[in-house]
Amino acid sequence: IWAISSENNDKIALVDPGDALVCIEYLQTNNLMLTAILITHHHSDHVGGIAKLL
């Protein structure tokens, strides 16, 4: 899982969010708003968390 963000705002894009719980914890801990999800390919370890993040 990769996170792409800017230092100047609270918006973030996640790349290949295979584990939603890890992503949600990171977003909440850092007070970030998920604005995009990027997927490199369709393997469960890359797309497994998408449904819970939407």
Protein backbone atom coordinates (compact mmCIF):
# COMPACT_ATOMS: atom_id res chain seq x y z
CA ILE A 1 0.00 0.00 0.00
CA TRP A 2 1.28 3.41 -0.97
CA ALA A 3 -0.11 6.78 0.05
CA ILE A 4 0.18 9.90 -2.08
CA SER A 5 -0.47 13.21 -0.40
CA SER A 6 0.52 16.84 -0.23
CA GLU A 7 1.87 18.59 2.83
CA ASN A 8 -0.56 21.45 2.28
CA ASN A 9 -3.90 19.68 2.71
CA ASP A 10 -5.67 16.67 4.18
CA LYS A 11 -6.47 14.86 0.92
CA ILE A 12 -4.81 11.56 0.08
CA ALA A 13 -4.78 8.90 -2.63
CA LEU A 14 -4.09 5.27 -1.81
CA VAL A 15 -2.41 2.88 -4.22
CA ASP A 16 -3.31 -0.82 -4.08
CA PRO A 17 -5.19 -0.79 -0.76
CA GLY A 18 -5.22 -4.51 -0.13
CA ASP A 19 -6.01 -4.19 3.59
CA ALA A 20 -8.79 -1.74 4.39
CA LEU A 21 -8.27 -1.79 8.15
CA VAL A 22 -4.66 -0.63 7.84
CA CYS A 23 -5.76 2.14 5.47
CA ILE A 24 -8.67 3.27 7.65
CA GLU A 25 -6.45 3.40 10.73
CA TYR A 26 -3.87 5.48 8.85
CA LEU A 27 -6.54 7.87 7.53
CA GLN A 28 -8.12 8.34 10.96
CA THR A 29 -4.83 8.65 12.85
CA ASN A 30 -3.59 11.34 10.47
CA ASN A 31 -6.98 13.04 9.97
CA LEU A 32 -6.86 12.49 6.20
CA MET A 33 -9.63 12.37 3.60
CA LEU A 34 -9.40 9.66 0.96
CA THR A 35 -10.01 11.23 -2.44
CA ALA A 36 -8.71 8.59 -4.85
CA ILE A 37 -7.80 4.93 -5.08
CA LEU A 38 -5.31 3.80 -7.70
CA ILE A 39 -4.98 0.14 -8.67
CA THR A 40 -1.95 -1.28 -10.46
CA HIS A 41 -3.45 -4.71 -11.11
CA HIS A 42 -6.24 -7.00 -9.96
CA HIS A 43 -4.72 -9.28 -7.33
CA SER A 44 -6.44 -9.62 -3.96
CA ASP A 45 -3.46 -8.19 -2.08
CA HIS A 46 -3.87 -5.03 -4.17
CA VAL A 47 -7.66 -4.66 -4.33
CA GLY A 48 -8.90 -6.51 -1.23
CA GLY A 49 -9.66 -3.39 0.80
CA ILE A 50 -11.42 -1.29 -1.82
CA ALA A 51 -15.01 -2.25 -0.98
CA LYS A 52 -14.61 -1.21 2.67
CA LEU A 53 -12.97 2.08 1.70
CA LEU A 54 -15.75 3.21 -0.63
